Amino acid sequence: MASKIKKGDLVEVISGPTQERGGYRGKQGRVIDVLTDSDRVIVEGVNYVTKHVRVGQSDRGTREGGIETVEAPIHVSNVAVVDPSTKKPTRVGFRVEEVKKDGKTKTVRVRYAKKSGKDL
């Protein structure tokens, strides 16, 4: 099934602990990558983990390695697309439109943000 969340979308984390408790709920960020095989997305500034990188040498001879903080994937059900007009999380729908190009009509599915509610 095609994911409703695409690379570059602005999303908000809608589940998990609140930011006061050290979580990421309510935080917004851009989608860096979509992992369709595991239904996960990587969101900028969300779900940081520490990663230990083995020391190696680059082409110029400098040593690289140590402890890095990187974003880890989060499940797609825990994020919602942000409506550009209200800046609140919303559901995404698809609309079928006819597009005329060079005298030919083509049917295209277009994504749109549904009306954002108070509870979502």
PDB file of N, CA and C in Angstrom:
ATOM      1  N   MET A   1       0.828  -1.174   0.000  1.00  0.00           N
ATOM      2  CA  MET A   1       0.000   0.000   0.000  1.00  0.00           C
ATOM      3  C   MET A   1       0.878   1.245   0.000  1.00  0.00           C
ATOM      4  N   ALA A   2       0.511   2.219  -0.790  1.00  0.00           N
ATOM      5  CA  ALA A   2       1.291   3.444  -0.878  1.00  0.00           C
ATOM      6  C   ALA A   2       1.102   4.264   0.389  1.00  0.00           C
ATOM      7  N   SER A   3       2.196   4.824   0.865  1.00  0.00           N
ATOM      8  CA  SER A   3       2.143   5.630   2.079  1.00  0.00           C
ATOM      9  C   SER A   3       1.585   7.008   1.772  1.00  0.00           C
ATOM     10  N   LYS A   4       0.801   7.547   2.688  1.00  0.00           N
ATOM     11  CA  LYS A   4       0.247   8.882   2.509  1.00  0.00           C
ATOM     12  C   LYS A   4       1.259   9.944   2.889  1.00  0.00           C
ATOM     13  N   ILE A   5       2.370   9.539   3.497  1.00  0.00           N
ATOM     14  CA  ILE A   5       3.411  10.476   3.890  1.00  0.00           C
ATOM     15  C   ILE A   5       4.571  10.347   2.914  1.00  0.00           C
ATOM     16  N   LYS A   6       4.994  11.474   2.376  1.00  0.00           N
ATOM     17  CA  LYS A   6       6.054  11.498   1.380  1.00  0.00           C
ATOM     18  C   LYS A   6       7.271  12.238   1.924  1.00  0.00           C
ATOM     19  N   LYS A   7       8.395  12.064   1.262  1.00  0.00           N
ATOM     20  CA  LYS A   7       9.623  12.740   1.623  1.00  0.00           C
ATOM     21  C   LYS A   7       9.444  14.246   1.458  1.00  0.00           C
ATOM     22  N   GLY A   8       9.840  15.003   2.466  1.00  0.00           N
ATOM     23  CA  GLY A   8       9.721  16.453   2.417  1.00  0.00           C
ATOM     24  C   GLY A   8       8.469  16.999   3.077  1.00  0.00           C
ATOM     25  N   ASP A   9       7.532  16.133   3.467  1.00  0.00           N
ATOM     26  CA  ASP A   9       6.310  16.591   4.144  1.00  0.00           C
ATOM     27  C   ASP A   9       6.637  17.098   5.542  1.00  0.00           C
ATOM     28  N   LEU A  10       5.838  18.063   6.000  1.00  0.00           N
ATOM     29  CA  LEU A  10       5.918  18.527   7.378  1.00  0.00           C
ATOM     30  C   LEU A  10       4.946  17.676   8.192  1.00  0.00           C
ATOM     31  N   VAL A  11       5.467  16.960   9.194  1.00  0.00           N
ATOM     32  CA  VAL A  11       4.638  16.062   9.997  1.00  0.00           C
ATOM     33  C   VAL A  11       4.782  16.419  11.467  1.00  0.00           C
ATOM     34  N   GLU A  12       3.817  15.929  12.261  1.00  0.00           N
ATOM     35  CA  GLU A  12       3.838  16.111  13.709  1.00  0.00           C
ATOM     36  C   GLU A  12       3.692  14.756  14.374  1.00  0.00           C
ATOM     37  N   VAL A  13       4.449  14.532  15.449  1.00  0.00           N
ATOM     38  CA  VAL A  13       4.360  13.284  16.207  1.00  0.00           C
ATOM     39  C   VAL A  13       3.096  13.353  17.051  1.00  0.00           C
ATOM     40  N   ILE A  14       2.226  12.326  16.926  1.00  0.00           N
ATOM     41  CA  ILE A  14       0.929  12.353  17.610  1.00  0.00           C
ATOM     42  C   ILE A  14       0.815  11.322  18.717  1.00  0.00           C
ATOM     43  N   SER A  15       1.874  10.546  18.986  1.00  0.00           N
ATOM     44  CA  SER A  15       1.802   9.555  20.067  1.00  0.00           C
ATOM     45  C   SER A  15       3.129   9.492  20.799  1.00  0.00           C
ATOM     46  N   GLY A  16       3.099   8.845  21.957  1.00  0.00           N
ATOM     47  CA  GLY A  16       4.293   8.731  22.779  1.00  0.00           C
ATOM     48  C   GLY A  16       4.272   9.743  23.909  1.00  0.00           C
ATOM     49  N   PRO A  17       5.349   9.788  24.688  1.00  0.00           N
ATOM     50  CA  PRO A  17       5.409  10.727  25.803  1.00  0.00           C
ATOM     51  C   PRO A  17       5.460  12.183  25.325  1.00  0.00           C
ATOM     52  N   THR A  18       4.948  13.091  26.149  1.00  0.00           N
ATOM     53  CA  THR A  18       4.991  14.506  25.803  1.00  0.00           C
ATOM     54  C   THR A  18       6.421  15.027  25.923  1.00  0.00           C
ATOM     55  N   GLN A  19       6.634  16.229  25.423  1.00  0.00           N
ATOM     56  CA  GLN A  19       7.978  16.803  25.464  1.00  0.00           C
ATOM     57  C   GLN A  19       8.418  17.108  26.885  1.00  0.00           C
ATOM     58  N   GLU A  20       7.456  17.403  27.791  1.00  0.00           N
ATOM     59  CA  GLU A  20       7.812  17.647  29.186  1.00  0.00           C
ATOM     60  C   GLU A  20       8.361  16.391  29.845  1.00  0.00           C
ATOM     61  N   ARG A  21       7.923  15.225  29.373  1.00  0.00           N
ATOM     62  CA  ARG A  21       8.378  13.946  29.927  1.00  0.00           C
ATOM     63  C   ARG A  21       9.552  13.358  29.144  1.00  0.00           C
ATOM     64  N   GLY A  22      10.122  14.131  28.245  1.00  0.00           N
ATOM     65  CA  GLY A  22      11.295  13.663  27.511  1.00  0.00           C
ATOM     66  C   GLY A  22      10.973  12.994  26.187  1.00  0.00           C
ATOM     67  N   GLY A  23       9.715  13.046  25.745  1.00  0.00           N
ATOM     68  CA  GLY A  23       9.337  12.426  24.478  1.00  0.00           C
ATOM     69  C   GLY A  23       9.304  13.434  23.340  1.00  0.00           C
ATOM     70  N   TYR A  24       8.632  13.046  22.270  1.00  0.00           N
ATOM     71  CA  TYR A  24       8.596  13.884  21.077  1.00  0.00           C
ATOM     72  C   TYR A  24       7.175  14.246  20.636  1.00  0.00           C
ATOM     73  N   ARG A  25       6.140  13.879  21.424  1.00  0.00           N
ATOM     74  CA  ARG A  25       4.770  14.171  21.010  1.00  0.00           C
ATOM     75  C   ARG A  25       4.561  15.679  20.900  1.00  0.00           C
ATOM     76  N   GLY A  26       3.952  16.105  19.790  1.00  0.00           N
ATOM     77  CA  GLY A  26       3.711  17.515  19.543  1.00  0.00           C
ATOM     78  C   GLY A  26       4.812  18.199  18.756  1.00  0.00           C
ATOM     79  N   LYS A  27       5.924  17.530  18.555  1.00  0.00           N
ATOM     80  CA  LYS A  27       7.045  18.123  17.823  1.00  0.00           C
ATOM     81  C   LYS A  27       6.831  17.961  16.324  1.00  0.00           C
ATOM     82  N   GLN A  28       7.146  18.998  15.569  1.00  0.00           N
ATOM     83  CA  GLN A  28       6.989  18.969  14.120  1.00  0.00           C
ATOM     84  C   GLN A  28       8.354  18.944  13.447  1.00  0.00           C
ATOM     85  N   GLY A  29       8.422  18.307  12.275  1.00  0.00           N
ATOM     86  CA  GLY A  29       9.667  18.244  11.519  1.00  0.00           C
ATOM     87  C   GLY A  29       9.421  17.733  10.111  1.00  0.00           C
ATOM     88  N   ARG A  30      10.403  17.903   9.254  1.00  0.00           N
ATOM     89  CA  ARG A  30      10.318  17.448   7.864  1.00  0.00           C
ATOM     90  C   ARG A  30      10.729  15.982   7.769  1.00  0.00           C
ATOM     91  N   VAL A  31      10.098  15.266   6.836  1.00  0.00           N
ATOM     92  CA  VAL A  31      10.426  13.861   6.614  1.00  0.00           C
ATOM     93  C   VAL A  31      11.701  13.791   5.778  1.00  0.00           C
ATOM     94  N   ILE A  32      12.717  13.121   6.311  1.00  0.00           N
ATOM     95  CA  ILE A  32      13.985  12.962   5.611  1.00  0.00           C
ATOM     96  C   ILE A  32      13.927  11.773   4.658  1.00  0.00           C
ATOM     97  N   ASP A  33      13.337  10.668   5.133  1.00  0.00           N
ATOM     98  CA  ASP A  33      13.302   9.439   4.337  1.00  0.00           C
ATOM     99  C   ASP A  33      12.068   8.630   4.722  1.00  0.00           C
ATOM    100  N   VAL A  34      11.537   7.879   3.753  1.00  0.00           N
ATOM    101  CA  VAL A  34      10.400   6.992   3.984  1.00  0.00           C
ATOM    102  C   VAL A  34      10.862   5.564   3.717  1.00  0.00           C
ATOM    103  N   LEU A  35      10.744   4.699   4.717  1.00  0.00           N
ATOM    104  CA  LEU A  35      11.125   3.285   4.594  1.00  0.00           C
ATOM    105  C   LEU A  35       9.843   2.483   4.382  1.00  0.00           C
ATOM    106  N   THR A  36       9.501   2.229   3.117  1.00  0.00           N
ATOM    107  CA  THR A  36       8.217   1.612   2.805  1.00  0.00           C
ATOM    108  C   THR A  36       8.154   0.148   3.208  1.00  0.00           C
ATOM    109  N   ASP A  37       9.282  -0.551   3.220  1.00  0.00           N
ATOM    110  CA  ASP A  37       9.251  -1.977   3.551  1.00  0.00           C
ATOM    111  C   ASP A  37       8.909  -2.220   5.015  1.00  0.00           C
ATOM    112  N   SER A  38       9.275  -1.287   5.911  1.00  0.00           N
ATOM    113  CA  SER A  38       8.980  -1.463   7.333  1.00  0.00           C
ATOM    114  C   SER A  38       7.954  -0.450   7.846  1.00  0.00           C
ATOM    115  N   ASP A  39       7.312   0.321   6.958  1.00  0.00           N
ATOM    116  CA  ASP A  39       6.301   1.322   7.320  1.00  0.00           C
ATOM    117  C   ASP A  39       6.828   2.312   8.351  1.00  0.00           C
ATOM    118  N   ARG A  40       8.013   2.840   8.117  1.00  0.00           N
ATOM    119  CA  ARG A  40       8.616   3.793   9.035  1.00  0.00           C
ATOM    120  C   ARG A  40       9.103   5.029   8.277  1.00  0.00           C
ATOM    121  N   VAL A  41       9.216   6.130   9.008  1.00  0.00           N
ATOM    122  CA  VAL A  41       9.730   7.370   8.434  1.00  0.00           C
ATOM    123  C   VAL A  41      10.819   7.917   9.355  1.00  0.00           C
ATOM    124  N   ILE A  42      11.758   8.663   8.766  1.00  0.00           N
ATOM    125  CA  ILE A  42      12.783   9.348   9.532  1.00  0.00           C
ATOM    126  C   ILE A  42      12.446  10.826   9.478  1.00  0.00           C
ATOM    127  N   VAL A  43      12.213  11.410  10.663  1.00  0.00           N
ATOM    128  CA  VAL A  43      11.790  12.799  10.770  1.00  0.00           C
ATOM    129  C   VAL A  43      12.939  13.621  11.339  1.00  0.00           C
ATOM    130  N   GLU A  44      13.163  14.785  10.751  1.00  0.00           N
ATOM    131  CA  GLU A  44      14.238  15.673  11.173  1.00  0.00           C
ATOM    132  C   GLU A  44      13.969  16.207  12.583  1.00  0.00           C
ATOM    133  N   GLY A  45      14.921  15.988  13.500  1.00  0.00           N
ATOM    134  CA  GLY A  45      14.802  16.498  14.859  1.00  0.00           C
ATOM    135  C   GLY A  45      13.983  15.644  15.797  1.00  0.00           C
ATOM    136  N   VAL A  46      13.597  14.434  15.379  1.00  0.00           N
ATOM    137  CA  VAL A  46      12.751  13.566  16.196  1.00  0.00           C
ATOM    138  C   VAL A  46      13.423  12.209  16.357  1.00  0.00           C
ATOM    139  N   ASN A  47      13.320  11.624  17.559  1.00  0.00           N
ATOM    140  CA  ASN A  47      13.796  10.282  17.868  1.00  0.00           C
ATOM    141  C   ASN A  47      15.312  10.161  17.695  1.00  0.00           C
ATOM    142  N   TYR A  48      16.048  11.010  18.407  1.00  0.00           N
ATOM    143  CA  TYR A  48      17.501  10.951  18.361  1.00  0.00           C
ATOM    144  C   TYR A  48      18.017   9.753  19.148  1.00  0.00           C
ATOM    145  N   VAL A  49      19.016   9.071  18.593  1.00  0.00           N
ATOM    146  CA  VAL A  49      19.696   7.979  19.270  1.00  0.00           C
ATOM    147  C   VAL A  49      21.198   8.213  19.137  1.00  0.00           C
ATOM    148  N   THR A  50      21.968   7.658  20.076  1.00  0.00           N
ATOM    149  CA  THR A  50      23.420   7.763  19.981  1.00  0.00           C
ATOM    150  C   THR A  50      23.939   6.538  19.246  1.00  0.00           C
ATOM    151  N   LYS A  51      24.847   6.776  18.323  1.00  0.00           N
ATOM    152  CA  LYS A  51      25.396   5.704  17.503  1.00  0.00           C
ATOM    153  C   LYS A  51      26.911   5.740  17.626  1.00  0.00           C
ATOM    154  N   HIS A  52      27.500   4.587  17.913  1.00  0.00           N
ATOM    155  CA  HIS A  52      28.948   4.480  18.031  1.00  0.00           C
ATOM    156  C   HIS A  52      29.511   4.085  16.670  1.00  0.00           C
ATOM    157  N   VAL A  53      30.402   4.921  16.156  1.00  0.00           N
ATOM    158  CA  VAL A  53      30.982   4.697  14.831  1.00  0.00           C
ATOM    159  C   VAL A  53      32.430   4.257  15.008  1.00  0.00           C
ATOM    160  N   ARG A  54      32.796   3.190  14.316  1.00  0.00           N
ATOM    161  CA  ARG A  54      34.141   2.661  14.420  1.00  0.00           C
ATOM    162  C   ARG A  54      35.145   3.638  13.812  1.00  0.00           C
ATOM    163  N   VAL A  55      36.305   3.720  14.431  1.00  0.00           N
ATOM    164  CA  VAL A  55      37.345   4.630  13.954  1.00  0.00           C
ATOM    165  C   VAL A  55      37.932   4.069  12.669  1.00  0.00           C
ATOM    166  N   GLY A  56      37.979   4.922  11.650  1.00  0.00           N
ATOM    167  CA  GLY A  56      38.567   4.537  10.376  1.00  0.00           C
ATOM    168  C   GLY A  56      39.290   5.723   9.795  1.00  0.00           C
ATOM    169  N   GLN A  57      39.845   5.545   8.618  1.00  0.00           N
ATOM    170  CA  GLN A  57      40.571   6.622   7.978  1.00  0.00           C
ATOM    171  C   GLN A  57      39.872   7.006   6.691  1.00  0.00           C
ATOM    172  N   SER A  58      39.818   8.320   6.439  1.00  0.00           N
ATOM    173  CA  SER A  58      39.234   8.796   5.192  1.00  0.00           C
ATOM    174  C   SER A  58      40.307   8.798   4.109  1.00  0.00           C
ATOM    175  N   ASP A  59      39.951   9.294   2.940  1.00  0.00           N
ATOM    176  CA  ASP A  59      40.893   9.322   1.817  1.00  0.00           C
ATOM    177  C   ASP A  59      42.091  10.222   2.100  1.00  0.00           C
ATOM    178  N   ARG A  60      41.887  11.257   2.900  1.00  0.00           N
ATOM    179  CA  ARG A  60      42.974  12.208   3.187  1.00  0.00           C
ATOM    180  C   ARG A  60      43.824  11.781   4.374  1.00  0.00           C
ATOM    181  N   GLY A  61      43.448  10.706   5.026  1.00  0.00           N
ATOM    182  CA  GLY A  61      44.244  10.223   6.142  1.00  0.00           C
ATOM    183  C   GLY A  61      43.763  10.679   7.499  1.00  0.00           C
ATOM    184  N   THR A  62      42.663  11.441   7.555  1.00  0.00           N
ATOM    185  CA  THR A  62      42.153  11.876   8.850  1.00  0.00           C
ATOM    186  C   THR A  62      41.363  10.747   9.486  1.00  0.00           C
ATOM    187  N   ARG A  63      41.382  10.704  10.796  1.00  0.00           N
ATOM    188  CA  ARG A  63      40.672   9.652  11.510  1.00  0.00           C
ATOM    189  C   ARG A  63      39.254  10.100  11.782  1.00  0.00           C
ATOM    190  N   GLU A  64      38.304   9.206  11.549  1.00  0.00           N
ATOM    191  CA  GLU A  64      36.903   9.498  11.792  1.00  0.00           C
ATOM    192  C   GLU A  64      36.327   8.428  12.707  1.00  0.00           C
ATOM    193  N   GLY A  65      35.368   8.819  13.498  1.00  0.00           N
ATOM    194  CA  GLY A  65      34.731   7.861  14.391  1.00  0.00           C
ATOM    195  C   GLY A  65      34.321   8.533  15.671  1.00  0.00           C
ATOM    196  N   GLY A  66      33.741   7.744  16.569  1.00  0.00           N
ATOM    197  CA  GLY A  66      33.309   8.278  17.846  1.00  0.00           C
ATOM    198  C   GLY A  66      31.825   8.083  18.039  1.00  0.00           C
ATOM    199  N   ILE A  67      31.225   8.939  18.853  1.00  0.00           N
ATOM    200  CA  ILE A  67      29.809   8.837  19.175  1.00  0.00           C
ATOM    201  C   ILE A  67      29.061   9.934  18.432  1.00  0.00           C
ATOM    202  N   GLU A  68      28.046   9.558  17.682  1.00  0.00           N
ATOM    203  CA  GLU A  68      27.233  10.498  16.917  1.00  0.00           C
ATOM    204  C   GLU A  68      25.785  10.389  17.378  1.00  0.00           C
ATOM    205  N   THR A  69      25.024  11.467  17.220  1.00  0.00           N
ATOM    206  CA  THR A  69      23.583  11.411  17.453  1.00  0.00           C
ATOM    207  C   THR A  69      22.894  11.534  16.101  1.00  0.00           C
ATOM    208  N   VAL A  70      22.040  10.561  15.783  1.00  0.00           N
ATOM    209  CA  VAL A  70      21.338  10.534  14.504  1.00  0.00           C
ATOM    210  C   VAL A  70      19.856  10.273  14.752  1.00  0.00           C
ATOM    211  N   GLU A  71      19.036  10.606  13.763  1.00  0.00           N
ATOM    212  CA  GLU A  71      17.606  10.340  13.859  1.00  0.00           C
ATOM    213  C   GLU A  71      17.335   8.881  13.533  1.00  0.00           C
ATOM    214  N   ALA A  72      16.512   8.235  14.345  1.00  0.00           N
ATOM    215  CA  ALA A  72      16.113   6.850  14.118  1.00  0.00           C
ATOM    216  C   ALA A  72      14.712   6.838  13.514  1.00  0.00           C
ATOM    217  N   PRO A  73      14.344   5.763  12.814  1.00  0.00           N
ATOM    218  CA  PRO A  73      13.003   5.697  12.222  1.00  0.00           C
ATOM    219  C   PRO A  73      11.908   5.635  13.275  1.00  0.00           C
ATOM    220  N   ILE A  74      10.750   6.173  12.920  1.00  0.00           N
ATOM    221  CA  ILE A  74       9.560   6.140  13.765  1.00  0.00           C
ATOM    222  C   ILE A  74       8.431   5.578  12.901  1.00  0.00           C
ATOM    223  N   HIS A  75       7.516   4.827  13.514  1.00  0.00           N
ATOM    224  CA  HIS A  75       6.454   4.192  12.737  1.00  0.00           C
ATOM    225  C   HIS A  75       5.529   5.234  12.137  1.00  0.00           C
ATOM    226  N   VAL A  76       5.054   4.950  10.925  1.00  0.00           N
ATOM    227  CA  VAL A  76       4.248   5.915  10.181  1.00  0.00           C
ATOM    228  C   VAL A  76       2.911   6.196  10.861  1.00  0.00           C
ATOM    229  N   SER A  77       2.426   5.286  11.689  1.00  0.00           N
ATOM    230  CA  SER A  77       1.157   5.506  12.391  1.00  0.00           C
ATOM    231  C   SER A  77       1.295   6.501  13.536  1.00  0.00           C
ATOM    232  N   ASN A  78       2.513   6.819  13.938  1.00  0.00           N
ATOM    233  CA  ASN A  78       2.738   7.735  15.048  1.00  0.00           C
ATOM    234  C   ASN A  78       2.936   9.175  14.605  1.00  0.00           C
ATOM    235  N   VAL A  79       2.837   9.442  13.296  1.00  0.00           N
ATOM    236  CA  VAL A  79       2.972  10.806  12.797  1.00  0.00           C
ATOM    237  C   VAL A  79       1.767  11.147  11.931  1.00  0.00           C
ATOM    238  N   ALA A  80       1.480  12.443  11.813  1.00  0.00           N
ATOM    239  CA  ALA A  80       0.385  12.920  10.974  1.00  0.00           C
ATOM    240  C   ALA A  80       0.872  14.123  10.178  1.00  0.00           C
ATOM    241  N   VAL A  81       0.400  14.250   8.951  1.00  0.00           N
ATOM    242  CA  VAL A  81       0.772  15.366   8.095  1.00  0.00           C
ATOM    243  C   VAL A  81       0.169  16.650   8.659  1.00  0.00           C
ATOM    244  N   VAL A  82       0.928  17.738   8.607  1.00  0.00           N
ATOM    245  CA  VAL A  82       0.468  19.026   9.121  1.00  0.00           C
ATOM    246  C   VAL A  82      -0.232  19.785   7.999  1.00  0.00           C
ATOM    247  N   ASP A  83      -1.435  20.293   8.312  1.00  0.00           N
ATOM    248  CA  ASP A  83      -2.195  21.099   7.357  1.00  0.00           C
ATOM    249  C   ASP A  83      -1.473  22.434   7.179  1.00  0.00           C
ATOM    250  N   PRO A  84      -1.147  22.828   5.930  1.00  0.00           N
ATOM    251  CA  PRO A  84      -0.382  24.064   5.743  1.00  0.00           C
ATOM    252  C   PRO A  84      -1.126  25.330   6.172  1.00  0.00           C
ATOM    253  N   SER A  85      -2.464  25.325   6.137  1.00  0.00           N
ATOM    254  CA  SER A  85      -3.199  26.535   6.483  1.00  0.00           C
ATOM    255  C   SER A  85      -3.363  26.708   7.994  1.00  0.00           C
ATOM    256  N   THR A  86      -3.656  25.614   8.730  1.00  0.00           N
ATOM    257  CA  THR A  86      -3.900  25.729  10.173  1.00  0.00           C
ATOM    258  C   THR A  86      -2.703  25.339  11.023  1.00  0.00           C
ATOM    259  N   LYS A  87      -1.675  24.736  10.442  1.00  0.00           N
ATOM    260  CA  LYS A  87      -0.482  24.264  11.152  1.00  0.00           C
ATOM    261  C   LYS A  87      -0.812  23.234  12.224  1.00  0.00           C
ATOM    262  N   LYS A  88      -1.897  22.462  12.010  1.00  0.00           N
ATOM    263  CA  LYS A  88      -2.280  21.392  12.922  1.00  0.00           C
ATOM    264  C   LYS A  88      -2.234  20.069  12.169  1.00  0.00           C
ATOM    265  N   PRO A  89      -2.056  18.942  12.900  1.00  0.00           N
ATOM    266  CA  PRO A  89      -2.046  17.647  12.212  1.00  0.00           C
ATOM    267  C   PRO A  89      -3.411  17.333  11.615  1.00  0.00           C
ATOM    268  N   THR A  90      -3.405  16.693  10.461  1.00  0.00           N
ATOM    269  CA  THR A  90      -4.645  16.398   9.755  1.00  0.00           C
ATOM    270  C   THR A  90      -4.517  15.083   9.011  1.00  0.00           C
ATOM    271  N   ARG A  91      -5.651  14.612   8.506  1.00  0.00           N
ATOM    272  CA  ARG A  91      -5.648  13.407   7.686  1.00  0.00           C
ATOM    273  C   ARG A  91      -5.447  13.791   6.228  1.00  0.00           C
ATOM    274  N   VAL A  92      -4.995  12.825   5.442  1.00  0.00           N
ATOM    275  CA  VAL A  92      -4.710  13.076   4.033  1.00  0.00           C
ATOM    276  C   VAL A  92      -5.682  12.282   3.181  1.00  0.00           C
ATOM    277  N   GLY A  93      -6.228  12.939   2.161  1.00  0.00           N
ATOM    278  CA  GLY A  93      -7.125  12.268   1.233  1.00  0.00           C
ATOM    279  C   GLY A  93      -6.592  12.366  -0.173  1.00  0.00           C
ATOM    280  N   PHE A  94      -7.217  11.637  -1.080  1.00  0.00           N
ATOM    281  CA  PHE A  94      -6.834  11.670  -2.483  1.00  0.00           C
ATOM    282  C   PHE A  94      -8.031  12.085  -3.307  1.00  0.00           C
ATOM    283  N   ARG A  95      -7.785  12.891  -4.320  1.00  0.00           N
ATOM    284  CA  ARG A  95      -8.817  13.386  -5.206  1.00  0.00           C
ATOM    285  C   ARG A  95      -8.385  13.078  -6.628  1.00  0.00           C
ATOM    286  N   VAL A  96      -9.326  12.614  -7.462  1.00  0.00           N
ATOM    287  CA  VAL A  96      -9.021  12.310  -8.857  1.00  0.00           C
ATOM    288  C   VAL A  96      -9.337  13.541  -9.689  1.00  0.00           C
ATOM    289  N   GLU A  97      -8.336  14.007 -10.448  1.00  0.00           N
ATOM    290  CA  GLU A  97      -8.507  15.188 -11.271  1.00  0.00           C
ATOM    291  C   GLU A  97      -8.124  14.884 -12.711  1.00  0.00           C
ATOM    292  N   GLU A  98      -8.735  15.630 -13.607  1.00  0.00           N
ATOM    293  CA  GLU A  98      -8.410  15.532 -15.028  1.00  0.00           C
ATOM    294  C   GLU A  98      -7.407  16.634 -15.358  1.00  0.00           C
ATOM    295  N   VAL A  99      -6.282  16.267 -15.942  1.00  0.00           N
ATOM    296  CA  VAL A  99      -5.252  17.226 -16.297  1.00  0.00           C
ATOM    297  C   VAL A  99      -5.112  17.230 -17.808  1.00  0.00           C
ATOM    298  N   LYS A 100      -5.187  18.432 -18.404  1.00  0.00           N
ATOM    299  CA  LYS A 100      -5.038  18.559 -19.844  1.00  0.00           C
ATOM    300  C   LYS A 100      -3.627  19.003 -20.164  1.00  0.00           C
ATOM    301  N   LYS A 101      -2.964  18.224 -21.004  1.00  0.00           N
ATOM    302  CA  LYS A 101      -1.600  18.542 -21.390  1.00  0.00           C
ATOM    303  C   LYS A 101      -1.430  18.193 -22.860  1.00  0.00           C
ATOM    304  N   ASP A 102      -1.061  19.160 -23.657  1.00  0.00           N
ATOM    305  CA  ASP A 102      -0.860  18.976 -25.097  1.00  0.00           C
ATOM    306  C   ASP A 102      -2.111  18.436 -25.780  1.00  0.00           C
ATOM    307  N   GLY A 103      -3.277  18.877 -25.340  1.00  0.00           N
ATOM    308  CA  GLY A 103      -4.531  18.449 -25.947  1.00  0.00           C
ATOM    309  C   GLY A 103      -5.029  17.099 -25.484  1.00  0.00           C
ATOM    310  N   LYS A 104      -4.294  16.435 -24.582  1.00  0.00           N
ATOM    311  CA  LYS A 104      -4.705  15.126 -24.067  1.00  0.00           C
ATOM    312  C   LYS A 104      -5.146  15.286 -22.619  1.00  0.00           C
ATOM    313  N   THR A 105      -6.157  14.522 -22.223  1.00  0.00           N
ATOM    314  CA  THR A 105      -6.599  14.534 -20.834  1.00  0.00           C
ATOM    315  C   THR A 105      -6.053  13.302 -20.127  1.00  0.00           C
ATOM    316  N   LYS A 106      -5.590  13.493 -18.910  1.00  0.00           N
ATOM    317  CA  LYS A 106      -5.002  12.417 -18.135  1.00  0.00           C
ATOM    318  C   LYS A 106      -5.601  12.453 -16.735  1.00  0.00           C
ATOM    319  N   THR A 107      -5.947  11.303 -16.195  1.00  0.00           N
ATOM    320  CA  THR A 107      -6.497  11.219 -14.849  1.00  0.00           C
ATOM    321  C   THR A 107      -5.346  11.079 -13.852  1.00  0.00           C
ATOM    322  N   VAL A 108      -5.320  11.977 -12.839  1.00  0.00           N
ATOM    323  CA  VAL A 108      -4.235  12.003 -11.875  1.00  0.00           C
ATOM    324  C   VAL A 108      -4.819  11.999 -10.471  1.00  0.00           C
ATOM    325  N   ARG A 109      -4.200  11.229  -9.558  1.00  0.00           N
ATOM    326  CA  ARG A 109      -4.584  11.258  -8.154  1.00  0.00           C
ATOM    327  C   ARG A 109      -3.780  12.338  -7.460  1.00  0.00           C
ATOM    328  N   VAL A 110      -4.474  13.252  -6.787  1.00  0.00           N
ATOM    329  CA  VAL A 110      -3.831  14.383  -6.129  1.00  0.00           C
ATOM    330  C   VAL A 110      -4.067  14.283  -4.624  1.00  0.00           C
ATOM    331  N   ARG A 111      -3.005  14.486  -3.830  1.00  0.00           N
ATOM    332  CA  ARG A 111      -3.131  14.492  -2.376  1.00  0.00           C
ATOM    333  C   ARG A 111      -3.646  15.833  -1.905  1.00  0.00           C
ATOM    334  N   TYR A 112      -4.497  15.819  -0.871  1.00  0.00           N
ATOM    335  CA  TYR A 112      -4.943  17.068  -0.267  1.00  0.00           C
ATOM    336  C   TYR A 112      -5.149  16.842   1.218  1.00  0.00           C
ATOM    337  N   ALA A 113      -5.000  17.919   2.001  1.00  0.00           N
ATOM    338  CA  ALA A 113      -5.195  17.838   3.442  1.00  0.00           C
ATOM    339  C   ALA A 113      -6.667  18.027   3.758  1.00  0.00           C
ATOM    340  N   LYS A 114      -7.234  17.061   4.491  1.00  0.00           N
ATOM    341  CA  LYS A 114      -8.619  17.191   4.910  1.00  0.00           C
ATOM    342  C   LYS A 114      -8.724  18.230   6.016  1.00  0.00           C
ATOM    343  N   LYS A 115      -9.925  18.572   6.393  1.00  0.00           N
ATOM    344  CA  LYS A 115     -10.128  19.573   7.435  1.00  0.00           C
ATOM    345  C   LYS A 115      -9.544  19.057   8.748  1.00  0.00           C
ATOM    346  N   SER A 116      -8.690  19.850   9.384  1.00  0.00           N
ATOM    347  CA  SER A 116      -8.045  19.413  10.622  1.00  0.00           C
ATOM    348  C   SER A 116      -8.979  19.646  11.791  1.00  0.00           C
ATOM    349  N   GLY A 117      -9.050  18.644  12.654  1.00  0.00           N
ATOM    350  CA  GLY A 117      -9.942  18.722  13.813  1.00  0.00           C
ATOM    351  C   GLY A 117      -9.218  19.148  15.072  1.00  0.00           C
ATOM    352  N   LYS A 118      -9.987  19.310  16.144  1.00  0.00           N
ATOM    353  CA  LYS A 118      -9.408  19.725  17.419  1.00  0.00           C
ATOM    354  C   LYS A 118      -8.686  18.578  18.092  1.00  0.00           C
ATOM    355  N   ASP A 119      -9.250  17.364  17.992  1.00  0.00           N
ATOM    356  CA  ASP A 119      -8.733  16.229  18.756  1.00  0.00           C
ATOM    357  C   ASP A 119      -7.498  15.588  18.134  1.00  0.00           C
ATOM    358  N   LEU A 120      -7.292  15.739  16.838  1.00  0.00           N
ATOM    359  CA  LEU A 120      -6.211  15.014  16.172  1.00  0.00           C
ATOM    360  C   LEU A 120      -4.882  15.635  16.389  1.00  0.00           C
TER     361      LEU A 120
END
